[in-house]
C-alpha cells in the first residue's frame, strides 16, 4: 500500500489516511440524457449508473439546450431561469429492459449542481468542460456514499419520503 504525505505550511509532514471503501461501486457510462423532459434536445448530456450490491443510482447532467429560437440566434436556451446546465441524481429502477431514473426518488448531494448565467454570452467558452467537472464531482461524492452505505435504499412501492 502506498502511503501519502502532505507538507504543512510550517514545513512539518502529515500522513494522509487512506480511505477504504467498505463495498465496491461499479460505474457505467451511458449515452443518453438521464433526466429532463427535453433531454433529447440537449447537445450536452452525461448519464452515469452507479451500482453497489443491489442498489443503483443514476447521476445525470444535461445542458446546452438547442431550441429553434436559440439556434437561430447562434446560442443555447436555458433549462430553467438563468440555468444552462444541471446535475441531478436519482435512485434507479428497471424499465422496459433498461435501468432508468425513479423521478420521484431524487437523491440530495452537497456538490455544485448547476451552471447559471444572466445570458449565454456570460458562460465560459469551455462550459462543457466545467459541466464535466461538475458531473464528476457529484459521481465521486455519491460513489463514496454508496460504498459506505450512506444512501438509504428506497422501499419498492413506498410513498415518497418513506425510504429506509
N, C-alpha and C. Protein backbone atom coordinates (compact mmCIF):
# COMPACT_ATOMS: atom_id res chain seq x y z
N UNK A 1 0.84 -1.17 0.00
CA UNK A 1 0.00 0.00 0.00
C UNK A 1 0.89 1.24 0.00
N UNK A 2 0.54 2.21 -0.83
CA UNK A 2 1.29 3.45 -0.92
C UNK A 2 0.85 4.39 0.19
N UNK A 3 1.82 4.97 0.88
CA UNK A 3 1.50 5.96 1.91
C UNK A 3 1.64 7.34 1.29
N UNK A 4 0.70 8.21 1.63
CA UNK A 4 0.74 9.57 1.10
C UNK A 4 0.97 10.55 2.23
N UNK A 5 1.70 11.61 1.93
CA UNK A 5 2.03 12.61 2.92
C UNK A 5 1.79 14.00 2.34
N UNK A 6 1.45 14.95 3.22
CA UNK A 6 1.30 16.35 2.84
C UNK A 6 2.29 17.16 3.64
N UNK A 7 2.88 18.14 2.97
CA UNK A 7 3.76 19.05 3.69
C UNK A 7 2.93 20.23 4.16
N UNK A 8 2.96 20.50 5.45
CA UNK A 8 2.21 21.61 6.04
C UNK A 8 2.94 22.92 5.78
N UNK A 9 2.24 24.03 6.00
CA UNK A 9 2.81 25.36 5.79
C UNK A 9 4.04 25.60 6.66
N UNK A 10 4.09 24.98 7.85
CA UNK A 10 5.23 25.18 8.75
C UNK A 10 6.39 24.23 8.44
N UNK A 11 6.27 23.43 7.38
CA UNK A 11 7.35 22.53 6.98
C UNK A 11 7.22 21.12 7.52
N UNK A 12 6.34 20.89 8.49
CA UNK A 12 6.15 19.54 9.03
C UNK A 12 5.38 18.70 8.02
N UNK A 13 5.43 17.40 8.19
CA UNK A 13 4.79 16.47 7.27
C UNK A 13 3.68 15.72 8.00
N UNK A 14 2.54 15.60 7.34
CA UNK A 14 1.40 14.89 7.91
C UNK A 14 1.04 13.72 6.99
N UNK A 15 0.83 12.55 7.59
CA UNK A 15 0.41 11.38 6.81
C UNK A 15 -1.08 11.51 6.49
N UNK A 16 -1.43 11.29 5.25
CA UNK A 16 -2.83 11.33 4.82
C UNK A 16 -3.41 9.93 4.99
N UNK A 17 -4.46 9.79 5.81
CA UNK A 17 -5.02 8.46 5.98
C UNK A 17 -5.65 7.96 4.68
N UNK A 18 -5.45 6.71 4.39
CA UNK A 18 -6.05 6.15 3.18
C UNK A 18 -7.53 5.89 3.44
N UNK A 19 -8.33 6.13 2.42
CA UNK A 19 -9.77 5.91 2.53
C UNK A 19 -10.06 4.53 1.98
N UNK A 20 -10.66 3.71 2.79
CA UNK A 20 -11.02 2.36 2.35
C UNK A 20 -12.53 2.32 2.16
N UNK A 21 -12.93 1.88 0.99
CA UNK A 21 -14.35 1.74 0.73
C UNK A 21 -14.81 0.39 1.27
N UNK A 22 -15.94 0.39 1.95
CA UNK A 22 -16.45 -0.85 2.52
C UNK A 22 -16.93 -1.80 1.44
N UNK A 23 -17.50 -1.24 0.38
CA UNK A 23 -18.04 -2.06 -0.71
C UNK A 23 -17.59 -1.45 -2.03
N UNK A 24 -17.47 -2.26 -3.05
CA UNK A 24 -17.08 -1.72 -4.36
C UNK A 24 -18.30 -1.16 -5.08
N UNK A 25 -18.05 -0.15 -5.89
CA UNK A 25 -19.09 0.50 -6.66
C UNK A 25 -18.72 0.38 -8.13
N UNK A 26 -19.63 -0.17 -8.92
CA UNK A 26 -19.42 -0.29 -10.36
C UNK A 26 -19.99 0.96 -11.03
N UNK A 27 -19.22 1.51 -11.95
CA UNK A 27 -19.61 2.72 -12.67
C UNK A 27 -19.81 2.39 -14.14
N UNK A 28 -20.97 2.78 -14.70
CA UNK A 28 -21.28 2.54 -16.10
C UNK A 28 -21.70 3.86 -16.75
N UNK A 29 -20.96 4.29 -17.77
CA UNK A 29 -21.32 5.50 -18.52
C UNK A 29 -22.33 5.11 -19.60
N UNK A 30 -23.39 5.89 -19.73
CA UNK A 30 -24.45 5.59 -20.69
C UNK A 30 -24.63 6.77 -21.62
N UNK A 31 -25.12 6.55 -22.82
CA UNK A 31 -25.09 7.56 -23.87
C UNK A 31 -26.34 8.38 -24.09
N UNK A 32 -27.22 8.47 -23.11
CA UNK A 32 -28.43 9.26 -23.31
C UNK A 32 -28.67 10.13 -22.07
N UNK A 33 -29.49 11.15 -22.23
CA UNK A 33 -29.83 12.01 -21.10
C UNK A 33 -30.61 11.20 -20.08
N UNK A 34 -30.27 11.34 -18.82
CA UNK A 34 -30.92 10.56 -17.78
C UNK A 34 -32.14 11.23 -17.18
N UNK A 35 -32.26 12.54 -17.32
CA UNK A 35 -33.41 13.26 -16.78
C UNK A 35 -33.70 14.46 -17.66
N UNK A 36 -34.75 15.15 -17.37
CA UNK A 36 -35.18 16.38 -18.02
C UNK A 36 -36.07 16.04 -19.21
N UNK A 37 -37.23 16.61 -19.21
CA UNK A 37 -38.24 16.30 -20.22
C UNK A 37 -37.75 16.58 -21.64
N UNK A 38 -36.87 17.59 -21.80
CA UNK A 38 -36.33 17.90 -23.13
C UNK A 38 -34.87 17.47 -23.25
N UNK A 39 -34.48 16.47 -22.48
CA UNK A 39 -33.10 15.99 -22.50
C UNK A 39 -32.61 15.59 -23.88
N UNK A 40 -33.51 15.08 -24.72
CA UNK A 40 -33.10 14.68 -26.08
C UNK A 40 -32.71 15.88 -26.93
N UNK A 41 -33.10 17.09 -26.51
CA UNK A 41 -32.74 18.29 -27.25
C UNK A 41 -31.52 18.99 -26.67
N UNK A 42 -30.88 18.37 -25.69
CA UNK A 42 -29.68 18.94 -25.09
C UNK A 42 -28.45 18.41 -25.82
N UNK A 43 -27.61 19.32 -26.32
CA UNK A 43 -26.39 18.90 -27.01
C UNK A 43 -25.39 18.29 -26.03
N UNK A 44 -25.51 18.62 -24.75
CA UNK A 44 -24.64 18.06 -23.74
C UNK A 44 -25.46 17.18 -22.80
N UNK A 45 -25.01 15.96 -22.59
CA UNK A 45 -25.63 15.09 -21.60
C UNK A 45 -24.65 14.04 -21.12
N UNK A 46 -24.73 13.74 -19.83
CA UNK A 46 -23.97 12.67 -19.20
C UNK A 46 -24.96 11.86 -18.38
N UNK A 47 -24.76 10.56 -18.34
CA UNK A 47 -25.66 9.65 -17.63
C UNK A 47 -24.78 8.54 -17.06
N UNK A 48 -24.58 8.55 -15.76
CA UNK A 48 -23.70 7.58 -15.11
C UNK A 48 -24.50 6.73 -14.14
N UNK A 49 -24.47 5.43 -14.36
CA UNK A 49 -25.13 4.47 -13.47
C UNK A 49 -24.11 3.95 -12.47
N UNK A 50 -24.43 4.07 -11.19
CA UNK A 50 -23.58 3.56 -10.12
C UNK A 50 -24.30 2.38 -9.46
N UNK A 51 -23.61 1.25 -9.36
CA UNK A 51 -24.20 0.05 -8.79
C UNK A 51 -23.35 -0.43 -7.63
N UNK A 52 -23.99 -0.61 -6.48
CA UNK A 52 -23.30 -1.11 -5.29
C UNK A 52 -24.22 -2.17 -4.68
N UNK A 53 -23.87 -3.44 -4.89
CA UNK A 53 -24.76 -4.52 -4.45
C UNK A 53 -26.04 -4.44 -5.24
N UNK A 54 -27.17 -4.41 -4.54
CA UNK A 54 -28.48 -4.32 -5.19
C UNK A 54 -28.91 -2.87 -5.44
N UNK A 55 -28.18 -1.93 -4.89
CA UNK A 55 -28.57 -0.53 -5.00
C UNK A 55 -28.01 0.11 -6.26
N UNK A 56 -28.85 0.87 -6.96
CA UNK A 56 -28.43 1.55 -8.18
C UNK A 56 -28.83 3.02 -8.12
N UNK A 57 -27.89 3.88 -8.51
CA UNK A 57 -28.09 5.32 -8.52
C UNK A 57 -27.68 5.85 -9.88
N UNK A 58 -28.43 6.80 -10.40
CA UNK A 58 -28.09 7.43 -11.68
C UNK A 58 -27.76 8.90 -11.43
N UNK A 59 -26.61 9.33 -11.94
CA UNK A 59 -26.21 10.74 -11.93
C UNK A 59 -26.37 11.23 -13.36
N UNK A 60 -27.15 12.28 -13.54
CA UNK A 60 -27.46 12.79 -14.86
C UNK A 60 -27.15 14.28 -14.94
N UNK A 61 -26.42 14.67 -15.98
CA UNK A 61 -26.15 16.09 -16.24
C UNK A 61 -26.60 16.41 -17.65
N UNK A 62 -27.35 17.48 -17.80
CA UNK A 62 -27.80 17.94 -19.12
C UNK A 62 -27.50 19.43 -19.25
N UNK A 63 -27.43 19.88 -20.50
CA UNK A 63 -27.21 21.30 -20.76
C UNK A 63 -27.09 21.58 -22.24
N UNK A 64 -26.85 22.84 -22.57
CA UNK A 64 -26.76 23.29 -23.95
C UNK A 64 -28.02 22.90 -24.71
N UNK A 65 -29.15 23.35 -24.17
CA UNK A 65 -30.45 23.07 -24.77
C UNK A 65 -30.56 23.77 -26.12
N UNK A 66 -30.87 23.01 -27.15
CA UNK A 66 -30.95 23.52 -28.52
C UNK A 66 -32.40 23.74 -28.90
N UNK A 67 -32.92 24.92 -28.64
CA UNK A 67 -34.26 25.26 -29.10
C UNK A 67 -34.14 25.93 -30.46
N UNK A 68 -35.21 25.90 -31.23
CA UNK A 68 -35.17 26.50 -32.57
C UNK A 68 -34.80 27.98 -32.49
N UNK A 69 -35.39 28.70 -31.57
CA UNK A 69 -35.11 30.12 -31.42
C UNK A 69 -33.65 30.36 -31.04
N UNK A 70 -33.12 29.56 -30.10
CA UNK A 70 -31.74 29.73 -29.67
C UNK A 70 -30.76 29.43 -30.79
N UNK A 71 -31.02 28.40 -31.56
CA UNK A 71 -30.13 28.04 -32.66
C UNK A 71 -30.12 29.15 -33.71
N UNK A 72 -31.27 29.74 -33.99
CA UNK A 72 -31.34 30.84 -34.95
C UNK A 72 -30.51 32.03 -34.47
N UNK A 73 -30.43 32.21 -33.16
CA UNK A 73 -29.63 33.30 -32.60
C UNK A 73 -28.19 32.87 -32.36
N UNK A 74 -27.86 31.62 -32.66
CA UNK A 74 -26.49 31.14 -32.52
C UNK A 74 -26.10 30.76 -31.10
N UNK A 75 -27.05 30.45 -30.27
CA UNK A 75 -26.74 30.11 -28.89
C UNK A 75 -27.51 28.92 -28.38
N UNK A 76 -27.71 28.92 -27.08
CA UNK A 76 -28.45 27.84 -26.44
C UNK A 76 -29.54 28.44 -25.56
N UNK A 77 -30.53 27.64 -25.25
CA UNK A 77 -31.63 28.07 -24.39
C UNK A 77 -31.35 27.63 -22.96
N UNK A 78 -32.06 28.24 -22.03
CA UNK A 78 -31.92 27.85 -20.63
C UNK A 78 -32.80 26.64 -20.33
N UNK A 79 -32.37 25.84 -19.35
CA UNK A 79 -33.17 24.73 -18.86
C UNK A 79 -34.25 25.25 -17.91
N UNK A 80 -33.90 26.27 -17.16
CA UNK A 80 -34.77 26.95 -16.22
C UNK A 80 -34.22 28.37 -16.10
N UNK A 81 -34.79 29.18 -15.26
CA UNK A 81 -34.38 30.58 -15.13
C UNK A 81 -32.86 30.71 -14.94
N UNK A 82 -32.18 31.25 -15.95
CA UNK A 82 -30.74 31.52 -15.95
C UNK A 82 -29.89 30.27 -15.71
N UNK A 83 -30.46 29.08 -15.87
CA UNK A 83 -29.71 27.83 -15.68
C UNK A 83 -29.50 27.17 -17.04
N UNK A 84 -28.22 26.97 -17.40
CA UNK A 84 -27.88 26.39 -18.69
C UNK A 84 -27.47 24.92 -18.60
N UNK A 85 -26.99 24.49 -17.44
CA UNK A 85 -26.59 23.10 -17.20
C UNK A 85 -27.04 22.73 -15.79
N UNK A 86 -27.38 21.44 -15.59
CA UNK A 86 -27.74 20.98 -14.25
C UNK A 86 -27.39 19.51 -14.08
N UNK A 87 -27.09 19.14 -12.85
CA UNK A 87 -26.83 17.75 -12.49
C UNK A 87 -27.83 17.33 -11.42
N UNK A 88 -28.39 16.15 -11.59
CA UNK A 88 -29.30 15.58 -10.61
C UNK A 88 -28.95 14.11 -10.42
N UNK A 89 -29.39 13.56 -9.30
CA UNK A 89 -29.15 12.14 -9.00
C UNK A 89 -30.45 11.52 -8.51
N UNK A 90 -30.63 10.26 -8.89
CA UNK A 90 -31.87 9.55 -8.58
C UNK A 90 -31.58 8.10 -8.26
N UNK A 91 -32.45 7.49 -7.46
CA UNK A 91 -32.45 6.04 -7.36
C UNK A 91 -32.90 5.51 -8.72
N UNK A 92 -32.54 4.29 -9.03
CA UNK A 92 -32.85 3.71 -10.35
C UNK A 92 -33.84 2.56 -10.22
N UNK A 93 -34.46 2.22 -11.35
CA UNK A 93 -35.38 1.09 -11.42
C UNK A 93 -35.30 0.47 -12.81
N UNK A 94 -35.76 -0.77 -12.92
CA UNK A 94 -35.84 -1.44 -14.22
C UNK A 94 -37.06 -0.90 -14.97
N UNK A 95 -36.86 -0.56 -16.25
CA UNK A 95 -37.98 -0.03 -17.05
C UNK A 95 -37.80 -0.51 -18.49
N UNK A 96 -38.57 -1.52 -18.87
CA UNK A 96 -38.54 -2.00 -20.25
C UNK A 96 -37.18 -2.45 -20.74
N UNK A 97 -36.43 -3.15 -19.93
CA UNK A 97 -35.13 -3.64 -20.33
C UNK A 97 -33.98 -2.68 -20.04
N UNK A 98 -34.27 -1.50 -19.55
CA UNK A 98 -33.26 -0.51 -19.22
C UNK A 98 -33.31 -0.20 -17.72
N UNK A 99 -32.23 0.34 -17.22
CA UNK A 99 -32.21 0.86 -15.86
C UNK A 99 -32.38 2.37 -16.00
N UNK A 100 -33.46 2.91 -15.47
CA UNK A 100 -33.79 4.32 -15.62
C UNK A 100 -33.97 4.99 -14.26
N UNK A 101 -34.10 6.31 -14.28
CA UNK A 101 -34.28 7.04 -13.03
C UNK A 101 -35.66 6.76 -12.44
N UNK A 102 -35.74 6.84 -11.13
CA UNK A 102 -37.03 6.89 -10.45
C UNK A 102 -37.22 8.36 -10.12
N UNK A 103 -37.93 9.07 -10.98
CA UNK A 103 -38.03 10.53 -10.88
C UNK A 103 -38.53 11.00 -9.52
N UNK A 104 -39.34 10.19 -8.87
CA UNK A 104 -39.87 10.57 -7.56
C UNK A 104 -38.88 10.29 -6.43
N UNK A 105 -37.73 9.74 -6.75
CA UNK A 105 -36.72 9.37 -5.75
C UNK A 105 -35.40 10.10 -6.01
N UNK A 106 -35.44 11.41 -5.99
CA UNK A 106 -34.22 12.20 -6.19
C UNK A 106 -33.32 12.07 -4.97
N UNK A 107 -32.02 12.11 -5.18
CA UNK A 107 -31.03 11.98 -4.10
C UNK A 107 -30.33 13.32 -3.91
N UNK A 108 -30.28 13.78 -2.68
CA UNK A 108 -29.59 15.03 -2.37
C UNK A 108 -28.08 14.80 -2.30
N UNK A 109 -27.32 15.83 -2.63
CA UNK A 109 -25.87 15.79 -2.51
C UNK A 109 -25.38 17.20 -2.24
N UNK A 110 -24.13 17.30 -1.77
CA UNK A 110 -23.58 18.60 -1.37
C UNK A 110 -22.83 19.32 -2.50
N UNK A 111 -22.41 18.61 -3.51
CA UNK A 111 -21.59 19.19 -4.58
C UNK A 111 -22.38 20.19 -5.42
N UNK A 112 -21.68 21.11 -6.10
CA UNK A 112 -22.36 22.05 -7.01
C UNK A 112 -23.15 21.28 -8.07
N UNK A 113 -24.33 21.83 -8.44
CA UNK A 113 -25.21 21.07 -9.34
C UNK A 113 -25.73 21.88 -10.52
N UNK A 114 -25.39 23.17 -10.63
CA UNK A 114 -25.92 23.95 -11.75
C UNK A 114 -24.90 24.97 -12.23
N UNK A 115 -25.04 25.33 -13.51
CA UNK A 115 -24.24 26.39 -14.12
C UNK A 115 -25.23 27.44 -14.60
N UNK A 116 -25.10 28.64 -14.05
CA UNK A 116 -26.04 29.70 -14.36
C UNK A 116 -25.33 30.90 -14.97
N UNK A 117 -26.10 31.72 -15.66
CA UNK A 117 -25.60 32.97 -16.23
C UNK A 117 -26.79 33.85 -16.57
N UNK A 118 -26.59 35.14 -16.53
CA UNK A 118 -27.66 36.08 -16.92
C UNK A 118 -27.99 35.91 -18.40
N UNK A 119 -26.95 35.72 -19.23
CA UNK A 119 -27.16 35.50 -20.65
C UNK A 119 -26.09 34.54 -21.16
N UNK A 120 -26.36 33.89 -22.26
CA UNK A 120 -25.48 32.85 -22.77
C UNK A 120 -24.06 33.36 -23.03
N UNK A 121 -23.93 34.60 -23.40
CA UNK A 121 -22.60 35.18 -23.67
C UNK A 121 -21.73 35.24 -22.42
N UNK A 122 -22.36 35.15 -21.24
CA UNK A 122 -21.61 35.20 -19.98
C UNK A 122 -20.99 33.85 -19.60
N UNK A 123 -21.37 32.78 -20.29
CA UNK A 123 -20.81 31.46 -20.00
C UNK A 123 -19.37 31.38 -20.47
N UNK A 124 -18.58 30.55 -19.81
CA UNK A 124 -17.20 30.33 -20.24
C UNK A 124 -17.18 29.64 -21.59
N UNK A 125 -16.13 29.88 -22.37
CA UNK A 125 -16.01 29.24 -23.67
C UNK A 125 -15.96 27.72 -23.56
N UNK A 126 -15.37 27.22 -22.47
CA UNK A 126 -15.26 25.77 -22.26
C UNK A 126 -16.28 25.27 -21.24
N UNK A 127 -17.50 25.80 -21.31
CA UNK A 127 -18.52 25.48 -20.31
C UNK A 127 -18.82 23.97 -20.26
N UNK A 128 -18.69 23.26 -21.38
CA UNK A 128 -18.90 21.80 -21.35
C UNK A 128 -17.86 21.12 -20.45
N UNK A 129 -16.63 21.63 -20.43
CA UNK A 129 -15.61 21.07 -19.54
C UNK A 129 -15.97 21.34 -18.08
N UNK A 130 -16.52 22.50 -17.81
CA UNK A 130 -16.98 22.82 -16.45
C UNK A 130 -18.11 21.87 -16.06
N UNK A 131 -19.02 21.60 -16.99
CA UNK A 131 -20.12 20.66 -16.73
C UNK A 131 -19.58 19.25 -16.47
N UNK A 132 -18.54 18.84 -17.22
CA UNK A 132 -17.91 17.54 -16.96
C UNK A 132 -17.37 17.47 -15.53
N UNK A 133 -16.68 18.53 -15.11
CA UNK A 133 -16.13 18.56 -13.75
C UNK A 133 -17.25 18.51 -12.71
N UNK A 134 -18.32 19.24 -12.95
CA UNK A 134 -19.47 19.23 -12.04
C UNK A 134 -20.02 17.81 -11.92
N UNK A 135 -20.21 17.14 -13.07
CA UNK A 135 -20.74 15.77 -13.09
C UNK A 135 -19.80 14.83 -12.33
N UNK A 136 -18.51 14.90 -12.62
CA UNK A 136 -17.53 14.01 -11.99
C UNK A 136 -17.47 14.21 -10.47
N UNK A 137 -17.65 15.45 -10.03
CA UNK A 137 -17.64 15.74 -8.60
C UNK A 137 -18.83 15.09 -7.90
N UNK A 138 -19.99 15.16 -8.52
CA UNK A 138 -21.18 14.52 -7.95
C UNK A 138 -21.02 12.99 -7.96
N UNK A 139 -20.51 12.44 -9.05
CA UNK A 139 -20.29 10.99 -9.13
C UNK A 139 -19.35 10.54 -8.01
N UNK A 140 -18.26 11.26 -7.80
CA UNK A 140 -17.30 10.88 -6.75
C UNK A 140 -17.95 10.93 -5.37
N UNK A 141 -18.73 11.98 -5.11
CA UNK A 141 -19.41 12.10 -3.82
C UNK A 141 -20.37 10.93 -3.58
N UNK A 142 -21.16 10.60 -4.61
CA UNK A 142 -22.16 9.53 -4.44
C UNK A 142 -21.53 8.14 -4.44
N UNK A 143 -20.43 7.94 -5.16
CA UNK A 143 -19.73 6.65 -5.09
C UNK A 143 -19.25 6.40 -3.66
N UNK A 144 -18.69 7.42 -3.05
CA UNK A 144 -18.21 7.28 -1.67
C UNK A 144 -19.38 6.99 -0.72
N UNK A 145 -20.48 7.72 -0.89
CA UNK A 145 -21.64 7.49 -0.03
C UNK A 145 -22.22 6.09 -0.22
N UNK A 146 -22.29 5.63 -1.47
CA UNK A 146 -22.78 4.27 -1.74
C UNK A 146 -21.88 3.24 -1.08
N UNK A 147 -20.59 3.39 -1.25
CA UNK A 147 -19.64 2.42 -0.72
C UNK A 147 -19.68 2.33 0.79
N UNK A 148 -20.04 3.43 1.43
CA UNK A 148 -20.10 3.45 2.90
C UNK A 148 -21.52 3.27 3.42
N UNK A 149 -22.47 2.94 2.53
CA UNK A 149 -23.84 2.69 2.96
C UNK A 149 -24.57 3.92 3.45
N UNK A 150 -24.21 5.10 2.93
CA UNK A 150 -24.79 6.36 3.41
C UNK A 150 -25.97 6.86 2.59
N UNK A 151 -26.38 6.10 1.58
CA UNK A 151 -27.56 6.47 0.80
C UNK A 151 -28.65 5.46 1.13
N UNK A 152 -29.76 5.92 1.73
CA UNK A 152 -30.81 4.96 2.09
C UNK A 152 -31.41 4.31 0.86
N UNK A 153 -31.72 3.03 0.99
CA UNK A 153 -32.37 2.31 -0.10
C UNK A 153 -33.84 2.68 -0.13
N UNK A 154 -34.40 2.91 -1.32
CA UNK A 154 -35.83 3.21 -1.37
C UNK A 154 -36.65 1.94 -1.17
N UNK A 155 -37.77 2.06 -0.49
CA UNK A 155 -38.69 0.94 -0.39
C UNK A 155 -39.37 0.80 -1.75
N UNK A 156 -39.62 -0.43 -2.22
CA UNK A 156 -40.12 -0.63 -3.58
C UNK A 156 -41.36 0.19 -3.96
N UNK A 157 -42.37 0.21 -3.13
CA UNK A 157 -43.61 0.89 -3.50
C UNK A 157 -44.06 1.90 -2.46
N UNK A 158 -43.13 2.38 -1.63
CA UNK A 158 -43.49 3.32 -0.57
C UNK A 158 -43.73 4.70 -1.14
N UNK A 159 -44.62 5.46 -0.53
CA UNK A 159 -44.78 6.86 -0.94
C UNK A 159 -43.46 7.62 -0.77
N UNK A 160 -43.31 8.67 -1.54
CA UNK A 160 -42.09 9.48 -1.47
C UNK A 160 -41.88 9.95 -0.04
N UNK A 161 -40.63 9.88 0.41
CA UNK A 161 -40.29 10.31 1.76
C UNK A 161 -40.29 9.19 2.78
N UNK A 162 -40.68 7.98 2.39
CA UNK A 162 -40.72 6.87 3.33
C UNK A 162 -39.69 5.80 2.99
N UNK A 163 -38.46 6.25 2.67
CA UNK A 163 -37.38 5.30 2.39
C UNK A 163 -36.84 4.76 3.69
N UNK A 164 -36.06 3.65 3.57
CA UNK A 164 -35.47 3.03 4.75
C UNK A 164 -34.47 3.97 5.40
